[in-house]
Each structure stands twice: as structure tokens, then as C-alpha cells.
Amino acid sequence: MPRVYVDTGDEQAVQDAWAIMDATINDLTLNGGLRESCETATQNTCNADQQSFKGITMYYMYVSSFLISHFQCRSGFPNPSATVPLARR
């Protein structure tokens, strides 16, 4: 999504990226930690693919938020004088 924003300037791509990240956090966390359906607070029966998913997901969420912030600051989007460039509207 950040790449779509960079290439097109389409603000909806930024909003979509935030929506995906918010849904991931809301639906896949338990007590502040990213959890798979095969995990509980005390037990982990996940296979390697399920464990890898979390690492890949977190990496791309970080990269996406960094890229959005970087390009928003450079382009003045959403507000060149905003103190928090990642603020969602």
C-alpha cells in the first residue's frame, strides 16, 4: 500500500494500509502480543509456517508505517506543520 501511495499519491492507499494494520492488531493480539489461533497465553502448538507469519507480518507493518511516515513528511501530506505525521484522519 505505501508503494501505491508513492506512485499515485492516492490517499486512499494510506487509509487502506492503516485499516489493514488496525485489523491485524485488533484481531490477532492477545494481552498485547500477536498471537496465532494455535497459541494461547500458556501454550504454543504452532508449526514453523504459523510462527514465521508473525515475524513477516510485524516486519511489513513496520516497513509500511515507516514508508508512509517518510513519504508523508516529504510531500507535506497530510499537513506540513503536523507534529505527528502518522496521525490518521
PDB file of N, CA and C in Angstrom:
ATOM      1  N   MET A   1       0.802  -1.196   0.000  1.00  0.00           N
ATOM      2  CA  MET A   1       0.000   0.000   0.000  1.00  0.00           C
ATOM      3  C   MET A   1       0.853   1.273   0.000  1.00  0.00           C
ATOM      4  N   PRO A   2       1.928   1.330   0.800  1.00  0.00           N
ATOM      5  CA  PRO A   2       2.734   2.554   0.747  1.00  0.00           C
ATOM      6  C   PRO A   2       3.288   2.809  -0.645  1.00  0.00           C
ATOM      7  N   ARG A   3       3.645   1.750  -1.354  1.00  0.00           N
ATOM      8  CA  ARG A   3       4.187   1.939  -2.707  1.00  0.00           C
ATOM      9  C   ARG A   3       3.121   2.507  -3.641  1.00  0.00           C
ATOM     10  N   VAL A   4       1.885   2.075  -3.472  1.00  0.00           N
ATOM     11  CA  VAL A   4       0.788   2.626  -4.277  1.00  0.00           C
ATOM     12  C   VAL A   4       0.663   4.121  -4.006  1.00  0.00           C
ATOM     13  N   TYR A   5       0.757   4.517  -2.748  1.00  0.00           N
ATOM     14  CA  TYR A   5       0.680   5.941  -2.405  1.00  0.00           C
ATOM     15  C   TYR A   5       1.822   6.718  -3.063  1.00  0.00           C
ATOM     16  N   VAL A   6       3.029   6.170  -2.992  1.00  0.00           N
ATOM     17  CA  VAL A   6       4.189   6.840  -3.574  1.00  0.00           C
ATOM     18  C   VAL A   6       4.012   7.007  -5.077  1.00  0.00           C
ATOM     19  N   ASP A   7       3.535   5.966  -5.749  1.00  0.00           N
ATOM     20  CA  ASP A   7       3.404   6.006  -7.201  1.00  0.00           C
ATOM     21  C   ASP A   7       2.237   6.856  -7.679  1.00  0.00           C
ATOM     22  N   THR A   8       1.153   6.875  -6.914  1.00  0.00           N
ATOM     23  CA  THR A   8      -0.055   7.542  -7.395  1.00  0.00           C
ATOM     24  C   THR A   8      -0.462   8.775  -6.598  1.00  0.00           C
ATOM     25  N   GLY A   9       0.025   8.880  -5.349  1.00  0.00           N
ATOM     26  CA  GLY A   9      -0.424   9.973  -4.484  1.00  0.00           C
ATOM     27  C   GLY A   9      -1.841   9.763  -3.968  1.00  0.00           C
ATOM     28  N   ASP A  10      -2.364   8.564  -4.156  1.00  0.00           N
ATOM     29  CA  ASP A  10      -3.734   8.253  -3.757  1.00  0.00           C
ATOM     30  C   ASP A  10      -3.806   8.076  -2.242  1.00  0.00           C
ATOM     31  N   GLU A  11      -4.429   9.015  -1.568  1.00  0.00           N
ATOM     32  CA  GLU A  11      -4.547   8.981  -0.115  1.00  0.00           C
ATOM     33  C   GLU A  11      -5.305   7.746   0.369  1.00  0.00           C
ATOM     34  N   GLN A  12      -6.184   7.208  -0.442  1.00  0.00           N
ATOM     35  CA  GLN A  12      -6.941   6.024  -0.040  1.00  0.00           C
ATOM     36  C   GLN A  12      -6.009   4.841   0.218  1.00  0.00           C
ATOM     37  N   ALA A  13      -4.895   4.769  -0.479  1.00  0.00           N
ATOM     38  CA  ALA A  13      -3.936   3.687  -0.250  1.00  0.00           C
ATOM     39  C   ALA A  13      -3.382   3.756   1.171  1.00  0.00           C
ATOM     40  N   VAL A  14      -3.146   4.962   1.658  1.00  0.00           N
ATOM     41  CA  VAL A  14      -2.672   5.141   3.031  1.00  0.00           C
ATOM     42  C   VAL A  14      -3.752   4.701   4.012  1.00  0.00           C
ATOM     43  N   GLN A  15      -4.979   5.125   3.771  1.00  0.00           N
ATOM     44  CA  GLN A  15      -6.075   4.738   4.658  1.00  0.00           C
ATOM     45  C   GLN A  15      -6.271   3.217   4.651  1.00  0.00           C
ATOM     46  N   ASP A  16      -6.134   2.595   3.491  1.00  0.00           N
ATOM     47  CA  ASP A  16      -6.258   1.136   3.400  1.00  0.00           C
ATOM     48  C   ASP A  16      -5.145   0.444   4.189  1.00  0.00           C
ATOM     49  N   ALA A  17      -3.933   0.963   4.081  1.00  0.00           N
ATOM     50  CA  ALA A  17      -2.815   0.374   4.824  1.00  0.00           C
ATOM     51  C   ALA A  17      -3.073   0.447   6.323  1.00  0.00           C
ATOM     52  N   TRP A  18      -3.548   1.612   6.803  1.00  0.00           N
ATOM     53  CA  TRP A  18      -3.860   1.735   8.236  1.00  0.00           C
ATOM     54  C   TRP A  18      -4.980   0.777   8.625  1.00  0.00           C
ATOM     55  N   ALA A  19      -5.982   0.633   7.786  1.00  0.00           N
ATOM     56  CA  ALA A  19      -7.103  -0.262   8.105  1.00  0.00           C
ATOM     57  C   ALA A  19      -6.627  -1.711   8.230  1.00  0.00           C
ATOM     58  N   ILE A  20      -5.731  -2.122   7.346  1.00  0.00           N
ATOM     59  CA  ILE A  20      -5.191  -3.486   7.406  1.00  0.00           C
ATOM     60  C   ILE A  20      -4.378  -3.680   8.681  1.00  0.00           C
ATOM     61  N   MET A  21      -3.540  -2.700   9.004  1.00  0.00           N
ATOM     62  CA  MET A  21      -2.736  -2.810  10.219  1.00  0.00           C
ATOM     63  C   MET A  21      -3.611  -2.797  11.466  1.00  0.00           C
ATOM     64  N   ASP A  22      -4.627  -1.944  11.496  1.00  0.00           N
ATOM     65  CA  ASP A  22      -5.548  -1.907  12.637  1.00  0.00           C
ATOM     66  C   ASP A  22      -6.279  -3.234  12.803  1.00  0.00           C
ATOM     67  N   ALA A  23      -6.746  -3.806  11.698  1.00  0.00           N
ATOM     68  CA  ALA A  23      -7.451  -5.087  11.766  1.00  0.00           C
ATOM     69  C   ALA A  23      -6.524  -6.190  12.270  1.00  0.00           C
ATOM     70  N   THR A  24      -5.289  -6.168  11.835  1.00  0.00           N
ATOM     71  CA  THR A  24      -4.319  -7.159  12.306  1.00  0.00           C
ATOM     72  C   THR A  24      -4.132  -7.047  13.812  1.00  0.00           C
ATOM     73  N   ILE A  25      -3.952  -5.835  14.286  1.00  0.00           N
ATOM     74  CA  ILE A  25      -3.752  -5.621  15.721  1.00  0.00           C
ATOM     75  C   ILE A  25      -5.008  -6.000  16.503  1.00  0.00           C
ATOM     76  N   ASN A  26      -6.157  -5.594  16.025  1.00  0.00           N
ATOM     77  CA  ASN A  26      -7.403  -5.863  16.742  1.00  0.00           C
ATOM     78  C   ASN A  26      -7.782  -7.334  16.755  1.00  0.00           C
ATOM     79  N   ASP A  27      -7.518  -8.031  15.665  1.00  0.00           N
ATOM     80  CA  ASP A  27      -7.992  -9.408  15.537  1.00  0.00           C
ATOM     81  C   ASP A  27      -6.971 -10.475  15.915  1.00  0.00           C
ATOM     82  N   LEU A  28      -5.697 -10.124  15.920  1.00  0.00           N
ATOM     83  CA  LEU A  28      -4.674 -11.148  16.135  1.00  0.00           C
ATOM     84  C   LEU A  28      -3.817 -10.921  17.376  1.00  0.00           C
ATOM     85  N   THR A  29      -4.262 -10.077  18.294  1.00  0.00           N
ATOM     86  CA  THR A  29      -3.481  -9.871  19.504  1.00  0.00           C
ATOM     87  C   THR A  29      -4.238 -10.382  20.720  1.00  0.00           C
ATOM     88  N   LEU A  30      -3.467 -10.812  21.699  1.00  0.00           N
ATOM     89  CA  LEU A  30      -3.998 -11.268  22.973  1.00  0.00           C
ATOM     90  C   LEU A  30      -3.061 -10.740  24.052  1.00  0.00           C
ATOM     91  N   ASN A  31      -3.608  -9.948  24.953  1.00  0.00           N
ATOM     92  CA  ASN A  31      -2.793  -9.356  26.025  1.00  0.00           C
ATOM     93  C   ASN A  31      -1.573  -8.618  25.487  1.00  0.00           C
ATOM     94  N   GLY A  32      -1.749  -7.895  24.398  1.00  0.00           N
ATOM     95  CA  GLY A  32      -0.679  -7.078  23.835  1.00  0.00           C
ATOM     96  C   GLY A  32       0.318  -7.813  22.960  1.00  0.00           C
ATOM     97  N   GLY A  33       0.131  -9.107  22.746  1.00  0.00           N
ATOM     98  CA  GLY A  33       1.056  -9.860  21.908  1.00  0.00           C
ATOM     99  C   GLY A  33       0.354 -10.428  20.694  1.00  0.00           C
ATOM    100  N   LEU A  34       1.035 -10.425  19.565  1.00  0.00           N
ATOM    101  CA  LEU A  34       0.475 -11.003  18.349  1.00  0.00           C
ATOM    102  C   LEU A  34       0.394 -12.511  18.529  1.00  0.00           C
ATOM    103  N   ARG A  35      -0.777 -13.071  18.343  1.00  0.00           N
ATOM    104  CA  ARG A  35      -0.999 -14.500  18.566  1.00  0.00           C
ATOM    105  C   ARG A  35      -1.653 -15.143  17.354  1.00  0.00           C
ATOM    106  N   GLU A  36      -1.271 -16.374  17.116  1.00  0.00           N
ATOM    107  CA  GLU A  36      -1.922 -17.214  16.114  1.00  0.00           C
ATOM    108  C   GLU A  36      -3.058 -17.971  16.788  1.00  0.00           C
ATOM    109  N   SER A  37      -3.954 -18.541  15.998  1.00  0.00           N
ATOM    110  CA  SER A  37      -5.047 -19.324  16.560  1.00  0.00           C
ATOM    111  C   SER A  37      -4.542 -20.573  17.274  1.00  0.00           C
ATOM    112  N   CYS A  38      -3.320 -21.007  16.984  1.00  0.00           N
ATOM    113  CA  CYS A  38      -2.743 -22.187  17.611  1.00  0.00           C
ATOM    114  C   CYS A  38      -2.039 -21.861  18.931  1.00  0.00           C
ATOM    115  N   GLU A  39      -2.077 -20.597  19.342  1.00  0.00           N
ATOM    116  CA  GLU A  39      -1.413 -20.167  20.568  1.00  0.00           C
ATOM    117  C   GLU A  39      -2.410 -19.712  21.612  1.00  0.00           C
ATOM    118  N   THR A  40      -2.051 -19.944  22.842  1.00  0.00           N
ATOM    119  CA  THR A  40      -2.746 -19.338  23.968  1.00  0.00           C
ATOM    120  C   THR A  40      -1.678 -18.626  24.791  1.00  0.00           C
ATOM    121  N   ALA A  41      -2.072 -18.020  25.874  1.00  0.00           N
ATOM    122  CA  ALA A  41      -1.102 -17.335  26.722  1.00  0.00           C
ATOM    123  C   ALA A  41      -0.105 -18.314  27.342  1.00  0.00           C
ATOM    124  N   THR A  42      -0.466 -19.588  27.428  1.00  0.00           N
ATOM    125  CA  THR A  42       0.399 -20.562  28.093  1.00  0.00           C
ATOM    126  C   THR A  42       0.868 -21.705  27.201  1.00  0.00           C
ATOM    127  N   GLN A  43       0.356 -21.813  25.997  1.00  0.00           N
ATOM    128  CA  GLN A  43       0.661 -22.963  25.153  1.00  0.00           C
ATOM    129  C   GLN A  43       0.885 -22.541  23.710  1.00  0.00           C
ATOM    130  N   ASN A  44       1.831 -23.203  23.039  1.00  0.00           N
ATOM    131  CA  ASN A  44       2.125 -22.914  21.645  1.00  0.00           C
ATOM    132  C   ASN A  44       2.207 -24.236  20.884  1.00  0.00           C
ATOM    133  N   THR A  45       1.234 -24.456  20.007  1.00  0.00           N
ATOM    134  CA  THR A  45       1.243 -25.665  19.173  1.00  0.00           C
ATOM    135  C   THR A  45       1.405 -25.314  17.696  1.00  0.00           C
ATOM    136  N   CYS A  46       1.969 -24.141  17.430  1.00  0.00           N
ATOM    137  CA  CYS A  46       2.108 -23.659  16.049  1.00  0.00           C
ATOM    138  C   CYS A  46       3.242 -24.378  15.324  1.00  0.00           C
ATOM    139  N   ASN A  47       3.047 -24.524  14.010  1.00  0.00           N
ATOM    140  CA  ASN A  47       4.126 -25.063  13.190  1.00  0.00           C
ATOM    141  C   ASN A  47       5.016 -23.903  12.713  1.00  0.00           C
ATOM    142  N   ALA A  48       6.060 -24.210  11.982  1.00  0.00           N
ATOM    143  CA  ALA A  48       7.019 -23.186  11.545  1.00  0.00           C
ATOM    144  C   ALA A  48       6.367 -22.127  10.661  1.00  0.00           C
ATOM    145  N   ASP A  49       5.448 -22.529   9.800  1.00  0.00           N
ATOM    146  CA  ASP A  49       4.771 -21.557   8.931  1.00  0.00           C
ATOM    147  C   ASP A  49       3.975 -20.551   9.751  1.00  0.00           C
ATOM    148  N   GLN A  50       3.277 -21.032  10.747  1.00  0.00           N
ATOM    149  CA  GLN A  50       2.476 -20.141  11.576  1.00  0.00           C
ATOM    150  C   GLN A  50       3.365 -19.206  12.387  1.00  0.00           C
ATOM    151  N   GLN A  51       4.480 -19.693  12.882  1.00  0.00           N
ATOM    152  CA  GLN A  51       5.401 -18.847  13.630  1.00  0.00           C
ATOM    153  C   GLN A  51       6.047 -17.804  12.716  1.00  0.00           C
ATOM    154  N   SER A  52       6.391 -18.211  11.501  1.00  0.00           N
ATOM    155  CA  SER A  52       7.005 -17.277  10.553  1.00  0.00           C
ATOM    156  C   SER A  52       6.046 -16.164  10.162  1.00  0.00           C
ATOM    157  N   PHE A  53       4.759 -16.472  10.079  1.00  0.00           N
ATOM    158  CA  PHE A  53       3.759 -15.480   9.697  1.00  0.00           C
ATOM    159  C   PHE A  53       3.839 -14.247  10.592  1.00  0.00           C
ATOM    160  N   LYS A  54       3.994 -14.466  11.885  1.00  0.00           N
ATOM    161  CA  LYS A  54       4.043 -13.331  12.814  1.00  0.00           C
ATOM    162  C   LYS A  54       5.239 -12.430  12.531  1.00  0.00           C
ATOM    163  N   GLY A  55       6.387 -13.036  12.314  1.00  0.00           N
ATOM    164  CA  GLY A  55       7.575 -12.240  12.048  1.00  0.00           C
ATOM    165  C   GLY A  55       7.458 -11.451  10.755  1.00  0.00           C
ATOM    166  N   ILE A  56       6.972 -12.092   9.735  1.00  0.00           N
ATOM    167  CA  ILE A  56       6.788 -11.424   8.443  1.00  0.00           C
ATOM    168  C   ILE A  56       5.748 -10.319   8.549  1.00  0.00           C
ATOM    169  N   THR A  57       4.656 -10.590   9.242  1.00  0.00           N
ATOM    170  CA  THR A  57       3.597  -9.593   9.419  1.00  0.00           C
ATOM    171  C   THR A  57       4.126  -8.363  10.140  1.00  0.00           C
ATOM    172  N   MET A  58       4.825  -8.576  11.234  1.00  0.00           N
ATOM    173  CA  MET A  58       5.348  -7.445  12.004  1.00  0.00           C
ATOM    174  C   MET A  58       6.370  -6.654  11.183  1.00  0.00           C
ATOM    175  N   TYR A  59       7.206  -7.340  10.437  1.00  0.00           N
ATOM    176  CA  TYR A  59       8.197  -6.666   9.604  1.00  0.00           C
ATOM    177  C   TYR A  59       7.511  -5.741   8.595  1.00  0.00           C
ATOM    178  N   TYR A  60       6.531  -6.265   7.891  1.00  0.00           N
ATOM    179  CA  TYR A  60       5.872  -5.458   6.872  1.00  0.00           C
ATOM    180  C   TYR A  60       5.000  -4.358   7.460  1.00  0.00           C
ATOM    181  N   MET A  61       4.459  -4.578   8.658  1.00  0.00           N
ATOM    182  CA  MET A  61       3.726  -3.487   9.315  1.00  0.00           C
ATOM    183  C   MET A  61       4.691  -2.363   9.678  1.00  0.00           C
ATOM    184  N   TYR A  62       5.870  -2.716  10.165  1.00  0.00           N
ATOM    185  CA  TYR A  62       6.882  -1.706  10.487  1.00  0.00           C
ATOM    186  C   TYR A  62       7.330  -0.962   9.233  1.00  0.00           C
ATOM    187  N   VAL A  63       7.672  -1.707   8.200  1.00  0.00           N
ATOM    188  CA  VAL A  63       8.136  -1.083   6.954  1.00  0.00           C
ATOM    189  C   VAL A  63       7.050  -0.174   6.381  1.00  0.00           C
ATOM    190  N   SER A  64       5.806  -0.636   6.389  1.00  0.00           N
ATOM    191  CA  SER A  64       4.710   0.175   5.851  1.00  0.00           C
ATOM    192  C   SER A  64       4.544   1.462   6.630  1.00  0.00           C
ATOM    193  N   SER A  65       4.554   1.375   7.958  1.00  0.00           N
ATOM    194  CA  SER A  65       4.373   2.599   8.746  1.00  0.00           C
ATOM    195  C   SER A  65       5.554   3.547   8.552  1.00  0.00           C
ATOM    196  N   PHE A  66       6.767   3.006   8.422  1.00  0.00           N
ATOM    197  CA  PHE A  66       7.933   3.848   8.173  1.00  0.00           C
ATOM    198  C   PHE A  66       7.822   4.548   6.818  1.00  0.00           C
ATOM    199  N   LEU A  67       7.475   3.787   5.780  1.00  0.00           N
ATOM    200  CA  LEU A  67       7.376   4.376   4.444  1.00  0.00           C
ATOM    201  C   LEU A  67       6.272   5.430   4.374  1.00  0.00           C
ATOM    202  N   ILE A  68       5.143   5.135   4.983  1.00  0.00           N
ATOM    203  CA  ILE A  68       4.056   6.117   4.986  1.00  0.00           C
ATOM    204  C   ILE A  68       4.536   7.393   5.655  1.00  0.00           C
ATOM    205  N   SER A  69       5.158   7.260   6.801  1.00  0.00           N
ATOM    206  CA  SER A  69       5.650   8.430   7.529  1.00  0.00           C
ATOM    207  C   SER A  69       6.665   9.208   6.696  1.00  0.00           C
ATOM    208  N   HIS A  70       7.607   8.493   6.112  1.00  0.00           N
ATOM    209  CA  HIS A  70       8.664   9.128   5.325  1.00  0.00           C
ATOM    210  C   HIS A  70       8.098   9.915   4.143  1.00  0.00           C
ATOM    211  N   PHE A  71       7.230   9.293   3.372  1.00  0.00           N
ATOM    212  CA  PHE A  71       6.716   9.965   2.188  1.00  0.00           C
ATOM    213  C   PHE A  71       5.684  11.022   2.522  1.00  0.00           C
ATOM    214  N   GLN A  72       4.945  10.843   3.600  1.00  0.00           N
ATOM    215  CA  GLN A  72       4.004  11.886   4.014  1.00  0.00           C
ATOM    216  C   GLN A  72       4.779  13.137   4.424  1.00  0.00           C
ATOM    217  N   CYS A  73       5.866  12.950   5.153  1.00  0.00           N
ATOM    218  CA  CYS A  73       6.669  14.099   5.589  1.00  0.00           C
ATOM    219  C   CYS A  73       7.293  14.819   4.402  1.00  0.00           C
ATOM    220  N   ARG A  74       7.769  14.067   3.433  1.00  0.00           N
ATOM    221  CA  ARG A  74       8.411  14.672   2.267  1.00  0.00           C
ATOM    222  C   ARG A  74       7.410  15.390   1.382  1.00  0.00           C
ATOM    223  N   SER A  75       6.188  14.904   1.319  1.00  0.00           N
ATOM    224  CA  SER A  75       5.217  15.508   0.412  1.00  0.00           C
ATOM    225  C   SER A  75       4.319  16.525   1.100  1.00  0.00           C
ATOM    226  N   GLY A  76       4.445  16.632   2.434  1.00  0.00           N
ATOM    227  CA  GLY A  76       3.578  17.545   3.157  1.00  0.00           C
ATOM    228  C   GLY A  76       2.209  16.965   3.443  1.00  0.00           C
ATOM    229  N   PHE A  77       2.021  15.694   3.174  1.00  0.00           N
ATOM    230  CA  PHE A  77       0.736  15.055   3.425  1.00  0.00           C
ATOM    231  C   PHE A  77       0.753  14.492   4.832  1.00  0.00           C
ATOM    232  N   PRO A  78      -0.250  14.607   5.624  1.00  0.00           N
ATOM    233  CA  PRO A  78      -1.485  15.316   5.385  1.00  0.00           C
ATOM    234  C   PRO A  78      -1.394  16.800   5.691  1.00  0.00           C
ATOM    235  N   ASN A  79      -0.365  17.204   6.443  1.00  0.00           N
ATOM    236  CA  ASN A  79      -0.261  18.600   6.843  1.00  0.00           C
ATOM    237  C   ASN A  79       1.212  18.884   7.104  1.00  0.00           C
ATOM    238  N   PRO A  80       1.820  19.807   6.358  1.00  0.00           N
ATOM    239  CA  PRO A  80       3.249  20.038   6.521  1.00  0.00           C
ATOM    240  C   PRO A  80       3.628  20.513   7.914  1.00  0.00           C
ATOM    241  N   SER A  81       2.709  21.089   8.663  1.00  0.00           N
ATOM    242  CA  SER A  81       3.036  21.573  10.002  1.00  0.00           C
ATOM    243  C   SER A  81       2.605  20.605  11.095  1.00  0.00           C
ATOM    244  N   ALA A  82       2.115  19.434  10.712  1.00  0.00           N
ATOM    245  CA  ALA A  82       1.657  18.456  11.710  1.00  0.00           C
ATOM    246  C   ALA A  82       2.844  17.963  12.522  1.00  0.00           C
ATOM    247  N   THR A  83       2.642  17.823  13.826  1.00  0.00           N
ATOM    248  CA  THR A  83       3.723  17.336  14.673  1.00  0.00           C
ATOM    249  C   THR A  83       3.785  15.814  14.665  1.00  0.00           C
ATOM    250  N   VAL A  84       2.698  15.153  14.299  1.00  0.00           N
ATOM    251  CA  VAL A  84       2.651  13.701  14.223  1.00  0.00           C
ATOM    252  C   VAL A  84       2.218  13.322  12.817  1.00  0.00           C
ATOM    253  N   PRO A  85       3.199  13.088  11.911  1.00  0.00           N
ATOM    254  CA  PRO A  85       2.839  12.828  10.512  1.00  0.00           C
ATOM    255  C   PRO A  85       2.047  11.542  10.315  1.00  0.00           C
ATOM    256  N   LEU A  86       2.052  10.638  11.293  1.00  0.00           N
ATOM    257  CA  LEU A  86       1.338   9.380  11.121  1.00  0.00           C
ATOM    258  C   LEU A  86      -0.112   9.467  11.567  1.00  0.00           C
ATOM    259  N   ALA A  87      -0.522  10.627  12.032  1.00  0.00           N
ATOM    260  CA  ALA A  87      -1.893  10.750  12.528  1.00  0.00           C
ATOM    261  C   ALA A  87      -2.895  10.387  11.440  1.00  0.00           C
ATOM    262  N   ARG A  88      -3.854   9.593  11.831  1.00  0.00           N
ATOM    263  CA  ARG A  88      -4.897   9.170  10.879  1.00  0.00           C
ATOM    264  C   ARG A  88      -6.016  10.178  10.913  1.00  0.00           C
ATOM    265  N   ARG A  89      -6.650  10.338   9.772  1.00  0.00           N
ATOM    266  CA  ARG A  89      -7.791  11.263   9.734  1.00  0.00           C
ATOM    267  C   ARG A  89      -9.069  10.512   9.858  1.00  0.00           C
TER     268      ARG A  89
END
